[in-house]
Amino acid sequence: MSPATGWTPRHLTLYQDGVLRGAMPLYEKSHSWGEFVFDWAWAEAYQRAGLEYYPKLVSAVPFTPATSSRLLLRDAADQEGANLLLRAAIQLAEDGHYSSLHVLFPAAFDLEMCRDLQLKVRKDCQFHWHNRNYNDFDGFVRTFSAAKRKKVRQDRRRVADAGVTFRRLHGGDMSAADWCRAYELISVTFLRRGVLPYFDLQFFQTISDTMPDKVLVVFAEIAGKTIAAAVFFESTTTLYGRYWGSDGNYDALHFETCYYQGIEYCIETGKTLFEPGTQGEHKIARGFSPIETWSAHWLQHPEFFSAIGAYVDRETRHVERYMQSVQSHSPYRRDARDKS
């Protein structure tokens, strides 16, 4: 991340007696791309009022809509340290004439610290898959209602009948040619949507070299030709779906490569959670459930700060109704839902 890309590092560190006590990832932003917490309407409102919304300060992992700690503390329960970091971030916003401070996808502890300092808390949702100790993919699908189970099996059958096979490689197993093909497919898919790929080939190769056991790539192939690829990242407990690309349109291939292959991998490796990314109501029918996510916001302009607070309160009620509505379309049998 750099000023050239609109992500200027402004990270904060907290020392005590010469020892690092904590840190907070922080960026000066000249746009709102790559955040997955959408504030374009806020920027437009500032513009209509004759005010500048950018630059702003954002605490996040760029282009990564995954909940994790934003207040990195030597002692995870260090409330005083967390408070000092957040106050320093607000002070930086005030002194640097930034319009606002935004803490995106914070962990529960961080969110409570934000609440304590009266930041406006915003609720949204993603769709996650949870492993209920399934023995295999078929055991997972057997928890669905008959109609939903049939739909998933049809998805997979269409892909298999087209002659598609799959190959999984970890970062350490990826050759330069493998990465070139994966990046080509991802880039083509970005361009098809009218968007330039943000990361270059070297980024993926560097990640693969430095974290070889944390990167998983699923290749889809027909007769030895690679037609699609999905890039995932993983921890000991969680699989994160990040990038996807294909050289054309294939029936149900996206569902298989990005969702079913990921679920199958989680079951095989004992991972408890699969976060495939943001948005997508179609994930419900594939066994994903709506899960609340959060962000916290401070705005320097008092009238706008108050107005944003009222807005996020109304938005929260809408998100809660939405989550209830999509949950009613869950594919799981009632007895399976009760057990979970």
C-alpha atoms as a PDB file:
ATOM      1  CA  MET A   1       0.000   0.000   0.000  1.00  0.00           C
ATOM      2  CA  SER A   2       1.304   3.447  -0.924  1.00  0.00           C
ATOM      3  CA  PRO A   3       0.191   7.036  -1.643  1.00  0.00           C
ATOM      4  CA  ALA A   4       0.126   6.140  -5.337  1.00  0.00           C
ATOM      5  CA  THR A   5      -2.708   3.690  -4.685  1.00  0.00           C
ATOM      6  CA  GLY A   6      -4.599   5.921  -2.254  1.00  0.00           C
ATOM      7  CA  TRP A   7      -3.520   3.899   0.805  1.00  0.00           C
ATOM      8  CA  THR A   8      -0.909   5.946   2.676  1.00  0.00           C
ATOM      9  CA  PRO A   9       0.314   4.180   5.852  1.00  0.00           C
ATOM     10  CA  ARG A  10      -0.284   6.132   9.056  1.00  0.00           C
ATOM     11  CA  HIS A  11       0.188   3.263  11.485  1.00  0.00           C
ATOM     12  CA  LEU A  12       0.274   4.015  15.220  1.00  0.00           C
ATOM     13  CA  THR A  13       2.534   2.410  17.807  1.00  0.00           C
ATOM     14  CA  LEU A  14       2.348   2.562  21.592  1.00  0.00           C
ATOM     15  CA  TYR A  15       5.504   2.148  23.681  1.00  0.00           C
ATOM     16  CA  GLN A  16       5.965   1.878  27.431  1.00  0.00           C
ATOM     17  CA  ASP A  17       9.480   2.083  28.910  1.00  0.00           C
ATOM     18  CA  GLY A  18      10.947   1.416  25.501  1.00  0.00           C
ATOM     19  CA  VAL A  19       8.872  -1.737  24.973  1.00  0.00           C
ATOM     20  CA  LEU A  20       6.208  -1.993  22.258  1.00  0.00           C
ATOM     21  CA  ARG A  21       2.875  -2.183  24.066  1.00  0.00           C
ATOM     22  CA  GLY A  22       0.544  -2.037  21.096  1.00  0.00           C
ATOM     23  CA  ALA A  23      -0.041  -0.924  17.519  1.00  0.00           C
ATOM     24  CA  MET A  24      -2.921   0.030  15.253  1.00  0.00           C
ATOM     25  CA  PRO A  25      -2.915  -0.405  11.469  1.00  0.00           C
ATOM     26  CA  LEU A  26      -4.051   2.884   9.977  1.00  0.00           C
ATOM     27  CA  TYR A  27      -4.197   4.344   6.476  1.00  0.00           C
ATOM     28  CA  GLU A  28      -4.866   7.749   5.017  1.00  0.00           C
ATOM     29  CA  LYS A  29      -7.391   7.185   2.221  1.00  0.00           C
ATOM     30  CA  SER A  30      -8.150   9.385  -0.784  1.00  0.00           C
ATOM     31  CA  HIS A  31     -11.043   7.112  -1.884  1.00  0.00           C
ATOM     32  CA  SER A  32     -13.231   4.334  -0.490  1.00  0.00           C
ATOM     33  CA  TRP A  33     -12.162   1.424  -2.688  1.00  0.00           C
ATOM     34  CA  GLY A  34     -11.104  -1.838  -1.118  1.00  0.00           C
ATOM     35  CA  GLU A  35     -12.904  -1.335   2.198  1.00  0.00           C
ATOM     36  CA  PHE A  36     -16.156  -3.346   1.850  1.00  0.00           C
ATOM     37  CA  VAL A  37     -17.917  -0.959   4.238  1.00  0.00           C
ATOM     38  CA  PHE A  38     -19.587   1.418   1.866  1.00  0.00           C
ATOM     39  CA  ASP A  39     -19.577   5.134   2.666  1.00  0.00           C
ATOM     40  CA  TRP A  40     -19.886   6.608  -0.828  1.00  0.00           C
ATOM     41  CA  ALA A  41     -23.197   8.252   0.147  1.00  0.00           C
ATOM     42  CA  TRP A  42     -21.500   9.935   3.096  1.00  0.00           C
ATOM     43  CA  ALA A  43     -18.820  11.317   0.771  1.00  0.00           C
ATOM     44  CA  GLU A  44     -21.506  12.626  -1.590  1.00  0.00           C
ATOM     45  CA  ALA A  45     -23.335  14.290   1.289  1.00  0.00           C
ATOM     46  CA  TYR A  46     -20.125  16.059   2.308  1.00  0.00           C
ATOM     47  CA  GLN A  47     -19.611  17.218  -1.264  1.00  0.00           C
ATOM     48  CA  ARG A  48     -23.151  18.593  -1.501  1.00  0.00           C
ATOM     49  CA  ALA A  49     -22.514  20.517   1.718  1.00  0.00           C
ATOM     50  CA  GLY A  50     -19.336  22.021   0.262  1.00  0.00           C
ATOM     51  CA  LEU A  51     -17.074  19.949   2.552  1.00  0.00           C
ATOM     52  CA  GLU A  52     -14.177  17.583   1.832  1.00  0.00           C
ATOM     53  CA  TYR A  53     -14.669  13.960   2.872  1.00  0.00           C
ATOM     54  CA  TYR A  54     -11.244  12.840   1.667  1.00  0.00           C
ATOM     55  CA  PRO A  55      -8.688  12.321   3.003  1.00  0.00           C
ATOM     56  CA  LYS A  56      -9.968  10.139   5.811  1.00  0.00           C
ATOM     57  CA  LEU A  57      -8.332   7.618   8.182  1.00  0.00           C
ATOM     58  CA  VAL A  58      -9.148   3.919   7.974  1.00  0.00           C
ATOM     59  CA  SER A  59      -8.065   1.076  10.251  1.00  0.00           C
ATOM     60  CA  ALA A  60      -8.414  -2.081   8.184  1.00  0.00           C
ATOM     61  CA  VAL A  61      -6.622  -4.804   6.280  1.00  0.00           C
ATOM     62  CA  PRO A  62      -6.724  -3.527   2.680  1.00  0.00           C
ATOM     63  CA  PHE A  63      -9.040  -5.452   0.395  1.00  0.00           C
ATOM     64  CA  THR A  64      -9.811  -7.986   3.152  1.00  0.00           C
ATOM     65  CA  PRO A  65     -13.348  -8.006   4.600  1.00  0.00           C
ATOM     66  CA  ALA A  66     -12.440 -10.343   7.472  1.00  0.00           C
ATOM     67  CA  THR A  67     -13.071  -9.633  11.143  1.00  0.00           C
ATOM     68  CA  SER A  68      -9.870  -9.503  13.206  1.00  0.00           C
ATOM     69  CA  SER A  69      -8.035  -7.359  15.744  1.00  0.00           C
ATOM     70  CA  ARG A  70      -7.385  -3.760  14.813  1.00  0.00           C
ATOM     71  CA  LEU A  71      -5.898  -2.926  18.232  1.00  0.00           C
ATOM     72  CA  LEU A  72      -2.798  -5.106  18.353  1.00  0.00           C
ATOM     73  CA  LEU A  73      -1.804  -5.328  22.006  1.00  0.00           C
ATOM     74  CA  ARG A  74       0.963  -7.194  23.811  1.00  0.00           C
ATOM     75  CA  ASP A  75      -1.660  -8.002  26.454  1.00  0.00           C
ATOM     76  CA  ALA A  76      -4.879  -8.817  24.602  1.00  0.00           C
ATOM     77  CA  ALA A  77      -6.964  -7.559  27.558  1.00  0.00           C
ATOM     78  CA  ASP A  78      -5.128  -4.224  27.850  1.00  0.00           C
ATOM     79  CA  GLN A  79      -8.100  -1.864  27.888  1.00  0.00           C
ATOM     80  CA  GLU A  80      -5.996   1.148  28.794  1.00  0.00           C
ATOM     81  CA  GLY A  81      -3.657   0.486  25.881  1.00  0.00           C
ATOM     82  CA  ALA A  82      -6.609   0.056  23.519  1.00  0.00           C
ATOM     83  CA  ASN A  83      -8.101   3.319  24.753  1.00  0.00           C
ATOM     84  CA  LEU A  84      -4.804   5.137  24.239  1.00  0.00           C
ATOM     85  CA  LEU A  85      -4.464   3.852  20.663  1.00  0.00           C
ATOM     86  CA  LEU A  86      -8.004   4.845  19.732  1.00  0.00           C
ATOM     87  CA  ARG A  87      -7.643   8.281  21.315  1.00  0.00           C
ATOM     88  CA  ALA A  88      -4.378   8.749  19.428  1.00  0.00           C
ATOM     89  CA  ALA A  89      -6.123   7.836  16.167  1.00  0.00           C
ATOM     90  CA  ILE A  90      -8.874  10.375  16.838  1.00  0.00           C
ATOM     91  CA  GLN A  91      -6.256  12.989  17.768  1.00  0.00           C
ATOM     92  CA  LEU A  92      -4.383  12.281  14.533  1.00  0.00           C
ATOM     93  CA  ALA A  93      -7.629  12.780  12.604  1.00  0.00           C
ATOM     94  CA  GLU A  94      -8.212  16.108  14.324  1.00  0.00           C
ATOM     95  CA  ASP A  95      -4.648  17.373  14.006  1.00  0.00           C
ATOM     96  CA  GLY A  96      -4.241  16.141  10.435  1.00  0.00           C
ATOM     97  CA  HIS A  97      -7.524  17.673   9.290  1.00  0.00           C
ATOM     98  CA  TYR A  98      -8.979  14.332   8.235  1.00  0.00           C
ATOM     99  CA  SER A  99     -12.748  14.227   7.920  1.00  0.00           C
ATOM    100  CA  SER A 100     -13.150  10.991   9.825  1.00  0.00           C
ATOM    101  CA  LEU A 101     -11.813   7.789  11.352  1.00  0.00           C
ATOM    102  CA  HIS A 102     -13.217   4.384  10.379  1.00  0.00           C
ATOM    103  CA  VAL A 103     -12.432   1.077  12.121  1.00  0.00           C
ATOM    104  CA  LEU A 104     -13.537  -1.722   9.782  1.00  0.00           C
ATOM    105  CA  PHE A 105     -14.322  -5.338  10.720  1.00  0.00           C
ATOM    106  CA  PRO A 106     -12.964  -5.050  14.283  1.00  0.00           C
ATOM    107  CA  ALA A 107     -12.893  -7.971  16.701  1.00  0.00           C
ATOM    108  CA  ALA A 108     -15.351  -7.910  19.621  1.00  0.00           C
ATOM    109  CA  PHE A 109     -12.854  -6.399  22.092  1.00  0.00           C
ATOM    110  CA  ASP A 110     -11.943  -3.613  19.661  1.00  0.00           C
ATOM    111  CA  LEU A 111     -15.600  -2.883  18.978  1.00  0.00           C
ATOM    112  CA  GLU A 112     -16.355  -2.455  22.675  1.00  0.00           C
ATOM    113  CA  MET A 113     -13.418  -0.057  22.997  1.00  0.00           C
ATOM    114  CA  CYS A 114     -14.886   1.939  20.095  1.00  0.00           C
ATOM    115  CA  ARG A 115     -18.275   2.009  21.808  1.00  0.00           C
ATOM    116  CA  ASP A 116     -16.649   3.285  25.000  1.00  0.00           C
ATOM    117  CA  LEU A 117     -15.270   6.253  23.083  1.00  0.00           C
ATOM    118  CA  GLN A 118     -18.697   6.953  21.543  1.00  0.00           C
ATOM    119  CA  LEU A 119     -17.829   6.026  17.963  1.00  0.00           C
ATOM    120  CA  LYS A 120     -20.914   5.278  15.867  1.00  0.00           C
ATOM    121  CA  VAL A 121     -21.236   1.523  15.402  1.00  0.00           C
ATOM    122  CA  ARG A 122     -22.494   0.195  12.086  1.00  0.00           C
ATOM    123  CA  LYS A 123     -23.904  -3.292  11.527  1.00  0.00           C
ATOM    124  CA  ASP A 124     -23.795  -5.339   8.335  1.00  0.00           C
ATOM    125  CA  CYS A 125     -23.745  -9.034   7.476  1.00  0.00           C
ATOM    126  CA  GLN A 126     -21.815 -11.629   5.543  1.00  0.00           C
ATOM    127  CA  PHE A 127     -22.522 -15.278   4.773  1.00  0.00           C
ATOM    128  CA  HIS A 128     -20.326 -17.845   6.522  1.00  0.00           C
ATOM    129  CA  TRP A 129     -20.245 -21.639   6.578  1.00  0.00           C
ATOM    130  CA  HIS A 130     -19.832 -23.510   9.859  1.00  0.00           C
ATOM    131  CA  ASN A 131     -18.511 -27.033  10.165  1.00  0.00           C
ATOM    132  CA  ARG A 132     -20.884 -29.110  12.333  1.00  0.00           C
ATOM    133  CA  ASN A 133     -18.415 -31.985  12.531  1.00  0.00           C
ATOM    134  CA  TYR A 134     -19.404 -33.360   9.131  1.00  0.00           C
ATOM    135  CA  ASN A 135     -17.655 -36.558   8.061  1.00  0.00           C
ATOM    136  CA  ASP A 136     -17.752 -35.682   4.363  1.00  0.00           C
ATOM    137  CA  PHE A 137     -19.504 -33.420   1.862  1.00  0.00           C
ATOM    138  CA  ASP A 138     -22.371 -35.859   1.412  1.00  0.00           C
ATOM    139  CA  GLY A 139     -22.933 -35.872   5.167  1.00  0.00           C
ATOM    140  CA  PHE A 140     -23.130 -32.087   5.079  1.00  0.00           C
ATOM    141  CA  VAL A 141     -25.661 -32.073   2.226  1.00  0.00           C
ATOM    142  CA  ARG A 142     -27.792 -34.686   3.981  1.00  0.00           C
ATOM    143  CA  THR A 143     -28.670 -32.009   6.560  1.00  0.00           C
ATOM    144  CA  PHE A 144     -30.531 -30.108   3.797  1.00  0.00           C
ATOM    145  CA  SER A 145     -34.176 -30.435   2.914  1.00  0.00           C
ATOM    146  CA  ALA A 146     -34.796 -32.819  -0.005  1.00  0.00           C
ATOM    147  CA  ALA A 147     -35.335 -30.055  -2.583  1.00  0.00           C
ATOM    148  CA  LYS A 148     -32.259 -28.078  -1.539  1.00  0.00           C
ATOM    149  CA  ARG A 149     -30.143 -31.235  -1.388  1.00  0.00           C
ATOM    150  CA  LYS A 150     -31.190 -32.099  -4.925  1.00  0.00           C
ATOM    151  CA  LYS A 151     -30.208 -28.618  -6.131  1.00  0.00           C
ATOM    152  CA  VAL A 152     -26.666 -28.875  -4.746  1.00  0.00           C
ATOM    153  CA  ARG A 153     -26.185 -32.334  -6.208  1.00  0.00           C
ATOM    154  CA  GLN A 154     -27.415 -31.077  -9.575  1.00  0.00           C
ATOM    155  CA  ASP A 155     -24.893 -28.216  -9.424  1.00  0.00           C
ATOM    156  CA  ARG A 156     -22.043 -30.631  -8.837  1.00  0.00           C
ATOM    157  CA  ARG A 157     -23.280 -33.134 -11.416  1.00  0.00           C
ATOM    158  CA  ARG A 158     -23.420 -30.476 -14.154  1.00  0.00           C
ATOM    159  CA  VAL A 159     -19.788 -29.584 -13.492  1.00  0.00           C
ATOM    160  CA  ALA A 160     -18.672 -33.219 -13.423  1.00  0.00           C
ATOM    161  CA  ASP A 161     -20.639 -34.063 -16.581  1.00  0.00           C
ATOM    162  CA  ALA A 162     -18.853 -31.232 -18.393  1.00  0.00           C
ATOM    163  CA  GLY A 163     -15.605 -33.093 -17.752  1.00  0.00           C
ATOM    164  CA  VAL A 164     -14.256 -30.633 -15.191  1.00  0.00           C
ATOM    165  CA  THR A 165     -11.721 -31.897 -12.662  1.00  0.00           C
ATOM    166  CA  PHE A 166     -10.045 -30.033  -9.818  1.00  0.00           C
ATOM    167  CA  ARG A 167      -6.514 -29.622  -8.594  1.00  0.00           C
ATOM    168  CA  ARG A 168      -5.599 -28.069  -5.248  1.00  0.00           C
ATOM    169  CA  LEU A 169      -2.193 -26.546  -4.632  1.00  0.00           C
ATOM    170  CA  HIS A 170      -0.753 -24.754  -1.631  1.00  0.00           C
ATOM    171  CA  GLY A 171       1.511 -21.779  -2.122  1.00  0.00           C
ATOM    172  CA  GLY A 172       4.639 -23.865  -1.777  1.00  0.00           C
ATOM    173  CA  ASP A 173       3.459 -26.172  -4.565  1.00  0.00           C
ATOM    174  CA  MET A 174       2.690 -23.387  -7.052  1.00  0.00           C
ATOM    175  CA  SER A 175       5.082 -22.972  -9.958  1.00  0.00           C
ATOM    176  CA  ALA A 176       5.671 -19.690 -11.771  1.00  0.00           C
ATOM    177  CA  ALA A 177       3.534 -21.025 -14.629  1.00  0.00           C
ATOM    178  CA  ASP A 178       0.721 -21.907 -12.204  1.00  0.00           C
ATOM    179  CA  TRP A 179       0.680 -18.373 -10.833  1.00  0.00           C
ATOM    180  CA  CYS A 180       0.803 -16.855 -14.298  1.00  0.00           C
ATOM    181  CA  ARG A 181      -2.268 -18.831 -15.337  1.00  0.00           C
ATOM    182  CA  ALA A 182      -4.146 -18.116 -12.105  1.00  0.00           C
ATOM    183  CA  TYR A 183      -3.405 -14.392 -12.387  1.00  0.00           C
ATOM    184  CA  GLU A 184      -4.404 -14.347 -16.044  1.00  0.00           C
ATOM    185  CA  LEU A 185      -7.801 -15.836 -15.204  1.00  0.00           C
ATOM    186  CA  ILE A 186      -8.348 -13.457 -12.268  1.00  0.00           C
ATOM    187  CA  SER A 187      -7.353 -10.432 -14.369  1.00  0.00           C
ATOM    188  CA  VAL A 188      -9.655 -11.391 -17.245  1.00  0.00           C
ATOM    189  CA  THR A 189     -12.558 -11.730 -14.815  1.00  0.00           C
ATOM    190  CA  PHE A 190     -11.845  -8.308 -13.277  1.00  0.00           C
ATOM    191  CA  LEU A 191     -11.647  -6.720 -16.722  1.00  0.00           C
ATOM    192  CA  ARG A 192     -14.883  -8.405 -17.784  1.00  0.00           C
ATOM    193  CA  ARG A 193     -16.573  -6.422 -14.999  1.00  0.00           C
ATOM    194  CA  GLY A 194     -14.923  -3.216 -16.176  1.00  0.00           C
ATOM    195  CA  VAL A 195     -12.478  -3.113 -13.243  1.00  0.00           C
ATOM    196  CA  LEU A 196      -8.688  -3.250 -13.319  1.00  0.00           C
ATOM    197  CA  PRO A 197      -7.082  -5.871 -11.047  1.00  0.00           C
ATOM    198  CA  TYR A 198      -5.643  -4.081  -8.038  1.00  0.00           C
ATOM    199  CA  PHE A 199      -2.830  -6.508  -7.244  1.00  0.00           C
ATOM    200  CA  ASP A 200      -0.178  -7.570  -9.717  1.00  0.00           C
ATOM    201  CA  LEU A 201       1.312 -11.001 -10.338  1.00  0.00           C
ATOM    202  CA  GLN A 202       4.280 -10.274  -8.095  1.00  0.00           C
ATOM    203  CA  PHE A 203       1.945  -9.729  -5.129  1.00  0.00           C
ATOM    204  CA  PHE A 204       0.551 -13.239  -5.404  1.00  0.00           C
ATOM    205  CA  GLN A 205       3.989 -14.761  -5.944  1.00  0.00           C
ATOM    206  CA  THR A 206       5.381 -12.917  -2.916  1.00  0.00           C
ATOM    207  CA  ILE A 207       2.492 -14.016  -0.706  1.00  0.00           C
ATOM    208  CA  SER A 208       2.975 -17.560  -1.936  1.00  0.00           C
ATOM    209  CA  ASP A 209       6.703 -17.460  -1.143  1.00  0.00           C
ATOM    210  CA  THR A 210       6.369 -15.870   2.291  1.00  0.00           C
ATOM    211  CA  MET A 211       3.283 -17.772   3.505  1.00  0.00           C
ATOM    212  CA  PRO A 212       3.359 -21.001   1.470  1.00  0.00           C
ATOM    213  CA  ASP A 213       1.162 -22.983   3.852  1.00  0.00           C
ATOM    214  CA  LYS A 214      -1.428 -20.192   4.167  1.00  0.00           C
ATOM    215  CA  VAL A 215      -2.332 -19.950   0.473  1.00  0.00           C
ATOM    216  CA  LEU A 216      -4.590 -22.449  -1.298  1.00  0.00           C
ATOM    217  CA  VAL A 217      -5.355 -22.338  -5.020  1.00  0.00           C
ATOM    218  CA  VAL A 218      -8.073 -24.494  -6.590  1.00  0.00           C
ATOM    219  CA  PHE A 219      -7.716 -25.008 -10.330  1.00  0.00           C
ATOM    220  CA  ALA A 220     -10.599 -26.221 -12.505  1.00  0.00           C
ATOM    221  CA  GLU A 221      -9.492 -28.112 -15.618  1.00  0.00           C
ATOM    222  CA  ILE A 222     -10.967 -29.741 -18.713  1.00  0.00           C
ATOM    223  CA  ALA A 223      -8.759 -32.218 -20.571  1.00  0.00           C
ATOM    224  CA  GLY A 224      -5.658 -30.761 -18.947  1.00  0.00           C
ATOM    225  CA  LYS A 225      -6.527 -27.134 -19.755  1.00  0.00           C
ATOM    226  CA  THR A 226      -7.012 -24.810 -16.788  1.00  0.00           C
ATOM    227  CA  ILE A 227     -10.298 -22.938 -17.223  1.00  0.00           C
ATOM    228  CA  ALA A 228     -10.772 -21.389 -13.777  1.00  0.00           C
ATOM    229  CA  ALA A 229      -8.967 -20.703 -10.516  1.00  0.00           C
ATOM    230  CA  ALA A 230      -9.906 -19.621  -7.006  1.00  0.00           C
ATOM    231  CA  VAL A 231      -7.417 -18.268  -4.466  1.00  0.00           C
ATOM    232  CA  PHE A 232      -8.020 -18.842  -0.757  1.00  0.00           C
ATOM    233  CA  PHE A 233      -6.130 -18.023   2.413  1.00  0.00           C
ATOM    234  CA  GLU A 234      -6.302 -20.161   5.531  1.00  0.00           C
ATOM    235  CA  SER A 235      -5.562 -20.231   9.234  1.00  0.00           C
ATOM    236  CA  THR A 236      -5.638 -23.293  11.450  1.00  0.00           C
ATOM    237  CA  THR A 237      -9.393 -22.870  11.927  1.00  0.00           C
ATOM    238  CA  THR A 238     -10.688 -20.802   9.008  1.00  0.00           C
ATOM    239  CA  LEU A 239     -10.674 -20.716   5.210  1.00  0.00           C
ATOM    240  CA  TYR A 240     -11.029 -17.324   3.516  1.00  0.00           C
ATOM    241  CA  GLY A 241     -12.215 -17.107  -0.093  1.00  0.00           C
ATOM    242  CA  ARG A 242     -10.628 -14.148  -1.864  1.00  0.00           C
ATOM    243  CA  TYR A 243     -10.146 -14.203  -5.647  1.00  0.00           C
ATOM    244  CA  TRP A 244     -11.752 -16.012  -8.558  1.00  0.00           C
ATOM    245  CA  GLY A 245     -11.319 -16.068 -12.303  1.00  0.00           C
ATOM    246  CA  SER A 246     -12.391 -18.081 -15.342  1.00  0.00           C
ATOM    247  CA  ASP A 247     -11.916 -17.904 -19.092  1.00  0.00           C
ATOM    248  CA  GLY A 248     -15.639 -18.072 -19.848  1.00  0.00           C
ATOM    249  CA  ASN A 249     -19.091 -18.955 -18.544  1.00  0.00           C
ATOM    250  CA  TYR A 250     -19.557 -22.519 -17.335  1.00  0.00           C
ATOM    251  CA  ASP A 251     -22.721 -23.852 -15.730  1.00  0.00           C
ATOM    252  CA  ALA A 252     -22.385 -23.945 -11.903  1.00  0.00           C
ATOM    253  CA  LEU A 253     -18.572 -23.743 -12.075  1.00  0.00           C
ATOM    254  CA  HIS A 254     -18.369 -20.698  -9.798  1.00  0.00           C
ATOM    255  CA  PHE A 255     -20.432 -22.439  -7.108  1.00  0.00           C
ATOM    256  CA  GLU A 256     -18.269 -25.558  -7.314  1.00  0.00           C
ATOM    257  CA  THR A 257     -14.865 -23.862  -7.428  1.00  0.00           C
ATOM    258  CA  CYS A 258     -15.480 -21.095  -4.880  1.00  0.00           C
ATOM    259  CA  TYR A 259     -17.956 -22.733  -2.485  1.00  0.00           C
ATOM    260  CA  TYR A 260     -18.260 -26.515  -2.710  1.00  0.00           C
ATOM    261  CA  GLN A 261     -14.526 -27.100  -3.108  1.00  0.00           C
ATOM    262  CA  GLY A 262     -13.921 -24.820  -0.132  1.00  0.00           C
ATOM    263  CA  ILE A 263     -16.508 -26.589   2.011  1.00  0.00           C
ATOM    264  CA  GLU A 264     -15.090 -29.970   1.046  1.00  0.00           C
ATOM    265  CA  TYR A 265     -11.585 -28.799   1.927  1.00  0.00           C
ATOM    266  CA  CYS A 266     -12.742 -27.518   5.330  1.00  0.00           C
ATOM    267  CA  ILE A 267     -14.380 -30.854   6.125  1.00  0.00           C
ATOM    268  CA  GLU A 268     -11.285 -32.783   5.059  1.00  0.00           C
ATOM    269  CA  THR A 269      -8.906 -30.606   7.088  1.00  0.00           C
ATOM    270  CA  GLY A 270     -11.159 -30.046  10.121  1.00  0.00           C
ATOM    271  CA  LYS A 271     -11.544 -26.301   9.716  1.00  0.00           C
ATOM    272  CA  THR A 272     -14.507 -24.924  11.616  1.00  0.00           C
ATOM    273  CA  LEU A 273     -15.287 -21.827   9.541  1.00  0.00           C
ATOM    274  CA  PHE A 274     -15.351 -20.766   5.894  1.00  0.00           C
ATOM    275  CA  GLU A 275     -15.653 -17.064   5.045  1.00  0.00           C
ATOM    276  CA  PRO A 276     -16.096 -16.817   1.260  1.00  0.00           C
ATOM    277  CA  GLY A 277     -16.151 -13.010   1.058  1.00  0.00           C
ATOM    278  CA  THR A 278     -18.823 -10.323   1.066  1.00  0.00           C
ATOM    279  CA  GLN A 279     -22.394 -10.184  -0.206  1.00  0.00           C
ATOM    280  CA  GLY A 280     -24.189 -12.880  -2.189  1.00  0.00           C
ATOM    281  CA  GLU A 281     -27.618 -14.113  -1.149  1.00  0.00           C
ATOM    282  CA  HIS A 282     -27.055 -17.107  -3.444  1.00  0.00           C
ATOM    283  CA  LYS A 283     -24.724 -18.453  -0.739  1.00  0.00           C
ATOM    284  CA  ILE A 284     -27.709 -19.227   1.492  1.00  0.00           C
ATOM    285  CA  ALA A 285     -28.859 -22.097  -0.756  1.00  0.00           C
ATOM    286  CA  ARG A 286     -25.300 -23.530  -0.586  1.00  0.00           C
ATOM    287  CA  GLY A 287     -25.310 -23.812   3.204  1.00  0.00           C
ATOM    288  CA  PHE A 288     -23.936 -20.438   4.288  1.00  0.00           C
ATOM    289  CA  SER A 289     -25.632 -18.487   7.071  1.00  0.00           C
ATOM    290  CA  PRO A 290     -25.961 -14.710   7.649  1.00  0.00           C
ATOM    291  CA  ILE A 291     -23.477 -13.499  10.252  1.00  0.00           C
ATOM    292  CA  GLU A 292     -23.312  -9.973  11.596  1.00  0.00           C
ATOM    293  CA  THR A 293     -20.218  -7.859  10.952  1.00  0.00           C
ATOM    294  CA  TRP A 294     -19.339  -4.458  12.369  1.00  0.00           C
ATOM    295  CA  SER A 295     -17.526  -1.198  11.838  1.00  0.00           C
ATOM    296  CA  ALA A 296     -17.081   1.930  13.968  1.00  0.00           C
ATOM    297  CA  HIS A 297     -16.953   5.551  12.792  1.00  0.00           C
ATOM    298  CA  TRP A 298     -15.921   8.953  14.105  1.00  0.00           C
ATOM    299  CA  LEU A 299     -16.525  12.113  12.083  1.00  0.00           C
ATOM    300  CA  GLN A 300     -14.943  15.470  12.877  1.00  0.00           C
ATOM    301  CA  HIS A 301     -17.927  17.545  11.750  1.00  0.00           C
ATOM    302  CA  PRO A 302     -20.390  17.455  14.697  1.00  0.00           C
ATOM    303  CA  GLU A 303     -23.603  17.788  12.662  1.00  0.00           C
ATOM    304  CA  PHE A 304     -22.558  15.053  10.263  1.00  0.00           C
ATOM    305  CA  PHE A 305     -21.405  12.872  13.178  1.00  0.00           C
ATOM    306  CA  SER A 306     -24.885  13.150  14.685  1.00  0.00           C
ATOM    307  CA  ALA A 307     -26.596  12.526  11.340  1.00  0.00           C
ATOM    308  CA  ILE A 308     -24.463   9.449  10.650  1.00  0.00           C
ATOM    309  CA  GLY A 309     -25.381   8.117  14.085  1.00  0.00           C
ATOM    310  CA  ALA A 310     -29.086   8.375  13.274  1.00  0.00           C
ATOM    311  CA  TYR A 311     -28.470   6.784   9.870  1.00  0.00           C
ATOM    312  CA  VAL A 312     -26.615   3.740  11.231  1.00  0.00           C
ATOM    313  CA  ASP A 313     -29.352   3.201  13.817  1.00  0.00           C
ATOM    314  CA  ARG A 314     -31.958   2.992  11.050  1.00  0.00           C
ATOM    315  CA  GLU A 315     -29.626   0.878   8.921  1.00  0.00           C
ATOM    316  CA  THR A 316     -29.125  -1.582  11.790  1.00  0.00           C
ATOM    317  CA  ARG A 317     -32.850  -2.276  11.970  1.00  0.00           C
ATOM    318  CA  HIS A 318     -32.901  -2.870   8.209  1.00  0.00           C
ATOM    319  CA  VAL A 319     -29.935  -5.255   8.406  1.00  0.00           C
ATOM    320  CA  GLU A 320     -31.596  -7.207  11.217  1.00  0.00           C
ATOM    321  CA  ARG A 321     -34.805  -7.584   9.195  1.00  0.00           C
ATOM    322  CA  TYR A 322     -32.749  -8.617   6.160  1.00  0.00           C
ATOM    323  CA  MET A 323     -30.864 -11.282   8.121  1.00  0.00           C
ATOM    324  CA  GLN A 324     -34.123 -12.698   9.447  1.00  0.00           C
ATOM    325  CA  SER A 325     -35.574 -12.753   5.952  1.00  0.00           C
ATOM    326  CA  VAL A 326     -32.674 -14.559   4.283  1.00  0.00           C
ATOM    327  CA  GLN A 327     -32.363 -16.983   7.190  1.00  0.00           C
ATOM    328  CA  SER A 328     -35.916 -18.115   6.445  1.00  0.00           C
ATOM    329  CA  HIS A 329     -34.554 -19.498   3.153  1.00  0.00           C
ATOM    330  CA  SER A 330     -31.988 -21.689   4.887  1.00  0.00           C
ATOM    331  CA  PRO A 331     -31.601 -25.068   3.135  1.00  0.00           C
ATOM    332  CA  TYR A 332     -31.132 -26.977   6.388  1.00  0.00           C
ATOM    333  CA  ARG A 333     -33.826 -29.277   7.725  1.00  0.00           C
ATOM    334  CA  ARG A 334     -35.395 -27.978  10.910  1.00  0.00           C
ATOM    335  CA  ASP A 335     -33.896 -30.768  13.024  1.00  0.00           C
ATOM    336  CA  ALA A 336     -30.427 -29.924  11.617  1.00  0.00           C
ATOM    337  CA  ARG A 337     -30.923 -26.240  12.440  1.00  0.00           C
ATOM    338  CA  ASP A 338     -31.924 -27.115  16.009  1.00  0.00           C
ATOM    339  CA  LYS A 339     -28.729 -29.155  16.491  1.00  0.00           C
ATOM    340  CA  SER A 340     -26.572 -26.266  15.294  1.00  0.00           C
END
